[in-house]
Amino acid sequence: MNIDIGIDWDDWFENGGYIPGGSDFPAIWAKAAAEFRARAGGLIDHPYGPGKRQVLDLFEPEGTPKGLVVFVHGGYWLRFDKSSWSHLAIGPLSRGWAVAMPSYTLAPEAEIGDMVGEIAWAIATAAARVPGPVRLTGHSAGGHLVTRMACDPAPLDPETAGRIDRVISISGVHDLRQLQLTKMNDQLRLGAAEAIAQSPALLTPRKDLSVVAWVGAQERPEFLRQARMLEEAWSMEGAQVRAVYESDRHHFNVIDGLREPGSPLLAALVG
């Protein structure tokens, strides 16, 4: 299929330039995350594989956890790590859920398919430490990676896969083909076959779990389209999927609901 129709895909996937104060957000996230870790403690840099970025943090509530939430960070598979997002554990912890946050190997060192495998290892490692149901969420590229776990098949062992009952992709990218026409593909190195093989919207969904494509209503049109695409494609396959467009949220603050105990996003994840 020819998808080069004169669209500037670099602009369509651009977020920071369209958000007032967009360049300030990474420092704000890092500061809030460091402050949370300083008071919350937790299991930090626990290995789930031999690679230097194959580590996760695990935060547990008081008492026996109701289950495990795994949050996978974004950054277009090119940047960030788990250390900028620790504060997003506040919401699930307040509801009695443990929270795991993995890092993973980024491009160009790894291809997206490799990252999918790493996240599967991270989920299994965290799930082995926390009993009960497992719920997955992730932002942007992380939204893609957790949605990939809701495909059939996914690179998960049967026991871990059977414990996952809910996936919330926050501003996820569910069709990777357009990324081949961006400058970032110089590092992602996505070819046509891998773009199709790793695009959740083009794959078969699991029918036995709930999936939500959550996106800010003020996001770029491409992210709205990606949420709608997943909802339409997977609904036709009989999956339990819906798209939610949260008002007054853009790509950089749509994740804030994870640390707000009364937010609709948190209720959708662990309510």
C-alpha atoms as a PDB file:
ATOM      1  CA  MET A   1       0.000   0.000   0.000  1.00  0.00           C
ATOM      2  CA  ASN A   2       1.340   3.439  -0.901  1.00  0.00           C
ATOM      3  CA  ILE A   3       0.961   5.675   2.170  1.00  0.00           C
ATOM      4  CA  ASP A   4       3.034   8.601   0.882  1.00  0.00           C
ATOM      5  CA  ILE A   5       0.239  11.033  -0.025  1.00  0.00           C
ATOM      6  CA  GLY A   6       2.045  14.290   0.607  1.00  0.00           C
ATOM      7  CA  ILE A   7       1.513  14.332   4.376  1.00  0.00           C
ATOM      8  CA  ASP A   8       4.362  15.655   6.527  1.00  0.00           C
ATOM      9  CA  TRP A   9       4.452  12.698   8.895  1.00  0.00           C
ATOM     10  CA  ASP A  10       7.191  14.269  11.024  1.00  0.00           C
ATOM     11  CA  ASP A  11       4.779  17.094  11.795  1.00  0.00           C
ATOM     12  CA  TRP A  12       1.862  14.742  12.372  1.00  0.00           C
ATOM     13  CA  PHE A  13       3.833  12.874  15.035  1.00  0.00           C
ATOM     14  CA  GLU A  14       5.217  16.071  16.586  1.00  0.00           C
ATOM     15  CA  ASN A  15       3.856  16.808  20.053  1.00  0.00           C
ATOM     16  CA  GLY A  16       6.060  19.192  21.999  1.00  0.00           C
ATOM     17  CA  GLY A  17       5.948  21.968  19.440  1.00  0.00           C
ATOM     18  CA  TYR A  18       2.161  22.137  19.708  1.00  0.00           C
ATOM     19  CA  ILE A  19       1.991  22.181  23.523  1.00  0.00           C
ATOM     20  CA  PRO A  20       2.625  25.454  25.395  1.00  0.00           C
ATOM     21  CA  GLY A  21       5.775  24.974  27.446  1.00  0.00           C
ATOM     22  CA  GLY A  22       6.279  21.577  25.864  1.00  0.00           C
ATOM     23  CA  SER A  23      10.049  21.600  26.335  1.00  0.00           C
ATOM     24  CA  ASP A  24       9.630  22.034  30.104  1.00  0.00           C
ATOM     25  CA  PHE A  25       7.774  18.782  30.701  1.00  0.00           C
ATOM     26  CA  PRO A  26      10.733  16.324  30.796  1.00  0.00           C
ATOM     27  CA  ALA A  27      12.385  18.223  33.655  1.00  0.00           C
ATOM     28  CA  ILE A  28       9.072  18.447  35.509  1.00  0.00           C
ATOM     29  CA  TRP A  29       8.522  14.703  35.150  1.00  0.00           C
ATOM     30  CA  ALA A  30      12.054  13.829  36.272  1.00  0.00           C
ATOM     31  CA  LYS A  31      11.812  16.044  39.370  1.00  0.00           C
ATOM     32  CA  ALA A  32       8.429  14.659  40.431  1.00  0.00           C
ATOM     33  CA  ALA A  33       9.626  11.091  39.887  1.00  0.00           C
ATOM     34  CA  ALA A  34      12.820  11.579  41.919  1.00  0.00           C
ATOM     35  CA  GLU A  35      10.884  13.157  44.786  1.00  0.00           C
ATOM     36  CA  PHE A  36       8.448  10.235  44.814  1.00  0.00           C
ATOM     37  CA  ARG A  37      11.236   7.632  44.893  1.00  0.00           C
ATOM     38  CA  ALA A  38      12.958   9.463  47.747  1.00  0.00           C
ATOM     39  CA  ARG A  39       9.924   9.069  49.988  1.00  0.00           C
ATOM     40  CA  ALA A  40       8.419   5.841  48.658  1.00  0.00           C
ATOM     41  CA  GLY A  41      11.438   3.583  48.414  1.00  0.00           C
ATOM     42  CA  GLY A  42      10.649   0.439  46.450  1.00  0.00           C
ATOM     43  CA  LEU A  43      12.644  -2.186  44.632  1.00  0.00           C
ATOM     44  CA  ILE A  44      14.844  -0.176  42.270  1.00  0.00           C
ATOM     45  CA  ASP A  45      16.786  -1.430  39.224  1.00  0.00           C
ATOM     46  CA  HIS A  46      15.691  -5.037  39.601  1.00  0.00           C
ATOM     47  CA  PRO A  47      16.995  -6.981  36.566  1.00  0.00           C
ATOM     48  CA  TYR A  48      14.645  -8.849  34.264  1.00  0.00           C
ATOM     49  CA  GLY A  49      17.349  -9.611  31.694  1.00  0.00           C
ATOM     50  CA  PRO A  50      21.101  -9.239  31.145  1.00  0.00           C
ATOM     51  CA  GLY A  51      21.022  -5.902  29.277  1.00  0.00           C
ATOM     52  CA  LYS A  52      21.929  -2.638  31.004  1.00  0.00           C
ATOM     53  CA  ARG A  53      18.414  -1.243  30.382  1.00  0.00           C
ATOM     54  CA  GLN A  54      16.652  -4.505  31.203  1.00  0.00           C
ATOM     55  CA  VAL A  55      15.747  -3.404  34.715  1.00  0.00           C
ATOM     56  CA  LEU A  56      12.521  -2.421  36.459  1.00  0.00           C
ATOM     57  CA  ASP A  57      11.337  -0.601  39.557  1.00  0.00           C
ATOM     58  CA  LEU A  58       8.617  -2.105  41.734  1.00  0.00           C
ATOM     59  CA  PHE A  59       6.528  -0.118  44.193  1.00  0.00           C
ATOM     60  CA  GLU A  60       4.177  -1.904  46.577  1.00  0.00           C
ATOM     61  CA  PRO A  61       1.263  -0.623  48.669  1.00  0.00           C
ATOM     62  CA  GLU A  62       0.767  -1.248  52.346  1.00  0.00           C
ATOM     63  CA  GLY A  63      -0.677  -4.684  52.939  1.00  0.00           C
ATOM     64  CA  THR A  64      -1.282  -7.378  50.345  1.00  0.00           C
ATOM     65  CA  PRO A  65      -1.530  -5.944  46.805  1.00  0.00           C
ATOM     66  CA  LYS A  66      -4.804  -6.350  44.939  1.00  0.00           C
ATOM     67  CA  GLY A  67      -2.728  -7.076  41.859  1.00  0.00           C
ATOM     68  CA  LEU A  68      -0.026  -5.642  39.625  1.00  0.00           C
ATOM     69  CA  VAL A  69      -0.047  -2.635  37.318  1.00  0.00           C
ATOM     70  CA  VAL A  70       2.783  -2.398  34.778  1.00  0.00           C
ATOM     71  CA  PHE A  71       3.458   1.044  33.288  1.00  0.00           C
ATOM     72  CA  VAL A  72       5.633   1.275  30.150  1.00  0.00           C
ATOM     73  CA  HIS A  73       7.114   4.659  29.310  1.00  0.00           C
ATOM     74  CA  GLY A  74       7.056   6.425  25.958  1.00  0.00           C
ATOM     75  CA  GLY A  75       9.548   8.483  23.996  1.00  0.00           C
ATOM     76  CA  TYR A  76       9.049   7.140  20.456  1.00  0.00           C
ATOM     77  CA  TRP A  77      11.165   4.052  21.284  1.00  0.00           C
ATOM     78  CA  LEU A  78      14.157   6.445  21.217  1.00  0.00           C
ATOM     79  CA  ARG A  79      14.421   8.205  24.581  1.00  0.00           C
ATOM     80  CA  PHE A  80      13.579   8.245  28.302  1.00  0.00           C
ATOM     81  CA  ASP A  81      13.676   5.431  30.832  1.00  0.00           C
ATOM     82  CA  LYS A  82      11.684   4.340  33.864  1.00  0.00           C
ATOM     83  CA  SER A  83      13.215   6.995  36.147  1.00  0.00           C
ATOM     84  CA  SER A  84      11.075   9.869  34.798  1.00  0.00           C
ATOM     85  CA  TRP A  85       7.712   8.303  35.645  1.00  0.00           C
ATOM     86  CA  SER A  86       7.845   6.921  39.185  1.00  0.00           C
ATOM     87  CA  HIS A  87       5.302   9.453  40.457  1.00  0.00           C
ATOM     88  CA  LEU A  88       2.654   7.945  38.181  1.00  0.00           C
ATOM     89  CA  ALA A  89       2.533   5.026  40.619  1.00  0.00           C
ATOM     90  CA  ILE A  90       0.753   7.235  43.170  1.00  0.00           C
ATOM     91  CA  GLY A  91      -2.743   6.517  41.878  1.00  0.00           C
ATOM     92  CA  PRO A  92      -2.588   2.714  41.644  1.00  0.00           C
ATOM     93  CA  LEU A  93      -0.762   2.514  44.992  1.00  0.00           C
ATOM     94  CA  SER A  94      -3.557   4.529  46.599  1.00  0.00           C
ATOM     95  CA  ARG A  95      -5.999   1.864  45.388  1.00  0.00           C
ATOM     96  CA  GLY A  96      -3.912  -0.998  46.765  1.00  0.00           C
ATOM     97  CA  TRP A  97      -2.134  -2.087  43.569  1.00  0.00           C
ATOM     98  CA  ALA A  98       1.586  -2.736  43.164  1.00  0.00           C
ATOM     99  CA  VAL A  99       3.239  -0.912  40.257  1.00  0.00           C
ATOM    100  CA  ALA A 100       6.154  -2.060  38.099  1.00  0.00           C
ATOM    101  CA  MET A 101       7.956   0.296  35.717  1.00  0.00           C
ATOM    102  CA  PRO A 102      10.508  -1.207  33.326  1.00  0.00           C
ATOM    103  CA  SER A 103      13.127   0.385  31.140  1.00  0.00           C
ATOM    104  CA  TYR A 104      13.903  -1.286  27.829  1.00  0.00           C
ATOM    105  CA  THR A 105      16.562  -1.119  25.138  1.00  0.00           C
ATOM    106  CA  LEU A 106      15.978   1.793  22.777  1.00  0.00           C
ATOM    107  CA  ALA A 107      16.557   2.298  19.068  1.00  0.00           C
ATOM    108  CA  PRO A 108      18.868   2.170  17.220  1.00  0.00           C
ATOM    109  CA  GLU A 109      20.440  -0.435  19.509  1.00  0.00           C
ATOM    110  CA  ALA A 110      17.207  -2.442  19.429  1.00  0.00           C
ATOM    111  CA  GLU A 111      14.416  -2.812  16.899  1.00  0.00           C
ATOM    112  CA  ILE A 112      10.804  -2.464  17.967  1.00  0.00           C
ATOM    113  CA  GLY A 113      10.268  -6.201  17.835  1.00  0.00           C
ATOM    114  CA  ASP A 114      13.126  -6.629  20.306  1.00  0.00           C
ATOM    115  CA  MET A 115      11.481  -4.113  22.652  1.00  0.00           C
ATOM    116  CA  VAL A 116       8.220  -6.058  22.490  1.00  0.00           C
ATOM    117  CA  GLY A 117      10.082  -9.137  23.690  1.00  0.00           C
ATOM    118  CA  GLU A 118      11.797  -7.227  26.475  1.00  0.00           C
ATOM    119  CA  ILE A 119       8.515  -5.850  27.808  1.00  0.00           C
ATOM    120  CA  ALA A 120       7.114  -9.374  27.876  1.00  0.00           C
ATOM    121  CA  TRP A 121      10.104 -10.466  30.005  1.00  0.00           C
ATOM    122  CA  ALA A 122       9.635  -7.480  32.307  1.00  0.00           C
ATOM    123  CA  ILE A 123       5.938  -8.226  32.819  1.00  0.00           C
ATOM    124  CA  ALA A 124       6.659 -11.864  33.630  1.00  0.00           C
ATOM    125  CA  THR A 125       9.423 -10.911  36.077  1.00  0.00           C
ATOM    126  CA  ALA A 126       7.233  -8.435  37.947  1.00  0.00           C
ATOM    127  CA  ALA A 127       4.223 -10.777  37.897  1.00  0.00           C
ATOM    128  CA  ALA A 128       6.312 -13.504  39.536  1.00  0.00           C
ATOM    129  CA  ARG A 129       6.752 -11.210  42.551  1.00  0.00           C
ATOM    130  CA  VAL A 130       3.151  -9.974  42.870  1.00  0.00           C
ATOM    131  CA  PRO A 131       0.125 -12.307  42.945  1.00  0.00           C
ATOM    132  CA  GLY A 132      -3.272 -11.525  41.475  1.00  0.00           C
ATOM    133  CA  PRO A 133      -4.483  -9.932  38.252  1.00  0.00           C
ATOM    134  CA  VAL A 134      -2.121  -7.992  35.996  1.00  0.00           C
ATOM    135  CA  ARG A 135      -3.096  -4.754  34.280  1.00  0.00           C
ATOM    136  CA  LEU A 136      -0.965  -3.037  31.684  1.00  0.00           C
ATOM    137  CA  THR A 137      -0.737   0.609  30.755  1.00  0.00           C
ATOM    138  CA  GLY A 138       1.749   2.696  28.837  1.00  0.00           C
ATOM    139  CA  HIS A 139       2.112   6.074  27.207  1.00  0.00           C
ATOM    140  CA  SER A 140       2.799   6.810  23.522  1.00  0.00           C
ATOM    141  CA  ALA A 141       5.416   4.223  22.464  1.00  0.00           C
ATOM    142  CA  GLY A 142       4.658   2.505  25.761  1.00  0.00           C
ATOM    143  CA  GLY A 143       1.002   2.456  24.764  1.00  0.00           C
ATOM    144  CA  HIS A 144       2.028   0.578  21.644  1.00  0.00           C
ATOM    145  CA  LEU A 145       4.114  -1.903  23.622  1.00  0.00           C
ATOM    146  CA  VAL A 146       1.364  -2.803  26.090  1.00  0.00           C
ATOM    147  CA  THR A 147      -1.245  -3.075  23.336  1.00  0.00           C
ATOM    148  CA  ARG A 148       1.073  -5.487  21.561  1.00  0.00           C
ATOM    149  CA  MET A 149       0.704  -7.728  24.630  1.00  0.00           C
ATOM    150  CA  ALA A 150      -3.057  -7.860  23.956  1.00  0.00           C
ATOM    151  CA  CYS A 151      -2.511  -9.437  20.538  1.00  0.00           C
ATOM    152  CA  ASP A 152      -2.888 -13.118  19.789  1.00  0.00           C
ATOM    153  CA  PRO A 153      -0.239 -14.355  19.846  1.00  0.00           C
ATOM    154  CA  ALA A 154       1.947 -12.204  22.079  1.00  0.00           C
ATOM    155  CA  PRO A 155       5.432 -13.130  23.360  1.00  0.00           C
ATOM    156  CA  LEU A 156       4.174 -13.971  26.854  1.00  0.00           C
ATOM    157  CA  ASP A 157       4.259 -17.254  28.701  1.00  0.00           C
ATOM    158  CA  PRO A 158       0.748 -18.720  29.124  1.00  0.00           C
ATOM    159  CA  GLU A 159       0.615 -18.286  32.906  1.00  0.00           C
ATOM    160  CA  THR A 160       1.475 -14.585  32.770  1.00  0.00           C
ATOM    161  CA  ALA A 161      -0.754 -13.962  29.757  1.00  0.00           C
ATOM    162  CA  GLY A 162      -3.681 -15.579  31.563  1.00  0.00           C
ATOM    163  CA  ARG A 163      -3.382 -13.154  34.468  1.00  0.00           C
ATOM    164  CA  ILE A 164      -3.637 -10.030  32.275  1.00  0.00           C
ATOM    165  CA  ASP A 165      -7.247  -8.857  32.237  1.00  0.00           C
ATOM    166  CA  ARG A 166      -7.019  -5.192  31.239  1.00  0.00           C
ATOM    167  CA  VAL A 167      -4.835  -3.023  28.986  1.00  0.00           C
ATOM    168  CA  ILE A 168      -5.011   0.763  28.717  1.00  0.00           C
ATOM    169  CA  SER A 169      -2.980   2.289  25.911  1.00  0.00           C
ATOM    170  CA  ILE A 170      -2.538   6.007  26.651  1.00  0.00           C
ATOM    171  CA  SER A 171      -1.913   7.978  23.436  1.00  0.00           C
ATOM    172  CA  GLY A 172      -0.603   4.813  21.869  1.00  0.00           C
ATOM    173  CA  VAL A 173       0.635   4.314  18.320  1.00  0.00           C
ATOM    174  CA  HIS A 174      -1.172   1.256  16.996  1.00  0.00           C
ATOM    175  CA  ASP A 175      -0.275   1.364  13.293  1.00  0.00           C
ATOM    176  CA  LEU A 176       3.469   1.778  12.744  1.00  0.00           C
ATOM    177  CA  ARG A 177       3.513   1.959   8.961  1.00  0.00           C
ATOM    178  CA  GLN A 178       3.500   5.762   8.763  1.00  0.00           C
ATOM    179  CA  LEU A 179       6.627   5.913  10.919  1.00  0.00           C
ATOM    180  CA  GLN A 180       8.578   4.633   7.926  1.00  0.00           C
ATOM    181  CA  LEU A 181       8.061   8.079   6.363  1.00  0.00           C
ATOM    182  CA  THR A 182       9.507  10.035   9.302  1.00  0.00           C
ATOM    183  CA  LYS A 183      13.052  11.152  10.041  1.00  0.00           C
ATOM    184  CA  MET A 184      12.996   9.124  13.249  1.00  0.00           C
ATOM    185  CA  ASN A 185      12.996   5.983  11.117  1.00  0.00           C
ATOM    186  CA  ASP A 186      16.701   6.590  10.492  1.00  0.00           C
ATOM    187  CA  GLN A 187      17.064   5.241  14.041  1.00  0.00           C
ATOM    188  CA  LEU A 188      13.989   3.025  14.313  1.00  0.00           C
ATOM    189  CA  ARG A 189      14.963   1.190  11.108  1.00  0.00           C
ATOM    190  CA  LEU A 190      11.418   0.009  10.545  1.00  0.00           C
ATOM    191  CA  GLY A 191      10.957  -1.983   7.375  1.00  0.00           C
ATOM    192  CA  ALA A 192       7.605  -2.815   5.825  1.00  0.00           C
ATOM    193  CA  ALA A 193       7.446  -6.350   7.220  1.00  0.00           C
ATOM    194  CA  GLU A 194       8.249  -5.351  10.803  1.00  0.00           C
ATOM    195  CA  ALA A 195       5.913  -2.350  10.675  1.00  0.00           C
ATOM    196  CA  ILE A 196       3.049  -4.707   9.887  1.00  0.00           C
ATOM    197  CA  ALA A 197       4.176  -7.450  12.279  1.00  0.00           C
ATOM    198  CA  GLN A 198       4.363  -5.046  15.228  1.00  0.00           C
ATOM    199  CA  SER A 199       1.239  -2.944  14.543  1.00  0.00           C
ATOM    200  CA  PRO A 200      -1.511  -3.986  16.999  1.00  0.00           C
ATOM    201  CA  ALA A 201      -4.271  -2.514  14.807  1.00  0.00           C
ATOM    202  CA  LEU A 202      -3.239  -4.914  12.035  1.00  0.00           C
ATOM    203  CA  LEU A 203      -3.033  -7.987  14.294  1.00  0.00           C
ATOM    204  CA  THR A 204      -5.558 -10.310  15.903  1.00  0.00           C
ATOM    205  CA  PRO A 205      -6.668  -9.172  19.362  1.00  0.00           C
ATOM    206  CA  ARG A 206      -7.282 -11.363  22.368  1.00  0.00           C
ATOM    207  CA  LYS A 207     -10.995 -11.593  23.075  1.00  0.00           C
ATOM    208  CA  ASP A 208     -10.722 -12.380  26.803  1.00  0.00           C
ATOM    209  CA  LEU A 209      -9.485  -9.052  28.149  1.00  0.00           C
ATOM    210  CA  SER A 210     -10.566  -5.419  28.171  1.00  0.00           C
ATOM    211  CA  VAL A 211      -8.659  -2.865  26.066  1.00  0.00           C
ATOM    212  CA  VAL A 212      -9.006   0.916  26.179  1.00  0.00           C
ATOM    213  CA  ALA A 213      -7.350   3.347  23.767  1.00  0.00           C
ATOM    214  CA  TRP A 214      -7.177   6.460  25.962  1.00  0.00           C
ATOM    215  CA  VAL A 215      -6.182   9.740  24.330  1.00  0.00           C
ATOM    216  CA  GLY A 216      -6.355  13.436  25.148  1.00  0.00           C
ATOM    217  CA  ALA A 217      -9.013  15.284  23.157  1.00  0.00           C
ATOM    218  CA  GLN A 218      -6.484  18.099  22.538  1.00  0.00           C
ATOM    219  CA  GLU A 219      -3.860  15.815  21.049  1.00  0.00           C
ATOM    220  CA  ARG A 220      -2.575  15.933  17.518  1.00  0.00           C
ATOM    221  CA  PRO A 221      -5.013  14.497  14.946  1.00  0.00           C
ATOM    222  CA  GLU A 222      -2.750  11.521  14.298  1.00  0.00           C
ATOM    223  CA  PHE A 223      -3.064  10.308  17.882  1.00  0.00           C
ATOM    224  CA  LEU A 224      -6.828  10.680  17.768  1.00  0.00           C
ATOM    225  CA  ARG A 225      -6.820   8.682  14.538  1.00  0.00           C
ATOM    226  CA  GLN A 226      -4.638   5.971  16.050  1.00  0.00           C
ATOM    227  CA  ALA A 227      -7.075   5.475  18.941  1.00  0.00           C
ATOM    228  CA  ARG A 228     -10.050   5.336  16.608  1.00  0.00           C
ATOM    229  CA  MET A 229      -8.262   2.928  14.300  1.00  0.00           C
ATOM    230  CA  LEU A 230      -7.615   0.441  17.089  1.00  0.00           C
ATOM    231  CA  GLU A 231     -11.207   0.660  18.289  1.00  0.00           C
ATOM    232  CA  GLU A 232     -12.613   0.079  14.813  1.00  0.00           C
ATOM    233  CA  ALA A 233     -10.207  -2.683  13.792  1.00  0.00           C
ATOM    234  CA  TRP A 234     -10.467  -4.676  16.989  1.00  0.00           C
ATOM    235  CA  SER A 235     -14.218  -4.183  17.391  1.00  0.00           C
ATOM    236  CA  MET A 236     -14.684  -5.870  14.038  1.00  0.00           C
ATOM    237  CA  GLU A 237     -12.668  -8.806  15.412  1.00  0.00           C
ATOM    238  CA  GLY A 238     -14.977  -9.122  18.413  1.00  0.00           C
ATOM    239  CA  ALA A 239     -12.579  -7.701  21.004  1.00  0.00           C
ATOM    240  CA  GLN A 240     -13.627  -5.827  24.152  1.00  0.00           C
ATOM    241  CA  VAL A 241     -12.198  -2.470  23.076  1.00  0.00           C
ATOM    242  CA  ARG A 242     -13.218   1.169  23.314  1.00  0.00           C
ATOM    243  CA  ALA A 243     -11.629   4.553  22.682  1.00  0.00           C
ATOM    244  CA  VAL A 244     -11.837   7.374  25.237  1.00  0.00           C
ATOM    245  CA  TYR A 245     -11.086  11.007  24.330  1.00  0.00           C
ATOM    246  CA  GLU A 246     -10.415  12.883  27.578  1.00  0.00           C
ATOM    247  CA  SER A 247     -11.335  16.551  27.408  1.00  0.00           C
ATOM    248  CA  ASP A 248      -8.774  19.272  28.210  1.00  0.00           C
ATOM    249  CA  ARG A 249      -5.837  16.868  27.941  1.00  0.00           C
ATOM    250  CA  HIS A 250      -2.918  16.889  25.514  1.00  0.00           C
ATOM    251  CA  HIS A 251      -0.131  14.398  24.871  1.00  0.00           C
ATOM    252  CA  PHE A 252       1.985  15.502  27.814  1.00  0.00           C
ATOM    253  CA  ASN A 253      -0.647  15.825  30.560  1.00  0.00           C
ATOM    254  CA  VAL A 254      -2.969  12.970  29.591  1.00  0.00           C
ATOM    255  CA  ILE A 255      -0.886  10.683  31.831  1.00  0.00           C
ATOM    256  CA  ASP A 256      -1.482  12.831  34.912  1.00  0.00           C
ATOM    257  CA  GLY A 257      -4.631  10.904  35.735  1.00  0.00           C
ATOM    258  CA  LEU A 258      -2.479   7.964  36.809  1.00  0.00           C
ATOM    259  CA  ARG A 259      -1.379   9.920  39.883  1.00  0.00           C
ATOM    260  CA  GLU A 260      -4.791  11.446  40.637  1.00  0.00           C
ATOM    261  CA  PRO A 261      -6.749   9.114  42.971  1.00  0.00           C
ATOM    262  CA  GLY A 262     -10.147  10.289  41.710  1.00  0.00           C
ATOM    263  CA  SER A 263      -9.415  10.473  37.994  1.00  0.00           C
ATOM    264  CA  PRO A 264     -11.412   8.697  35.261  1.00  0.00           C
ATOM    265  CA  LEU A 265      -8.168   7.221  33.896  1.00  0.00           C
ATOM    266  CA  LEU A 266      -7.278   5.616  37.197  1.00  0.00           C
ATOM    267  CA  ALA A 267     -10.828   4.315  37.596  1.00  0.00           C
ATOM    268  CA  ALA A 268     -10.595   2.725  34.140  1.00  0.00           C
ATOM    269  CA  LEU A 269      -7.312   1.070  35.062  1.00  0.00           C
ATOM    270  CA  VAL A 270      -7.945  -0.268  38.562  1.00  0.00           C
ATOM    271  CA  GLY A 271     -11.562   0.625  39.377  1.00  0.00           C
END
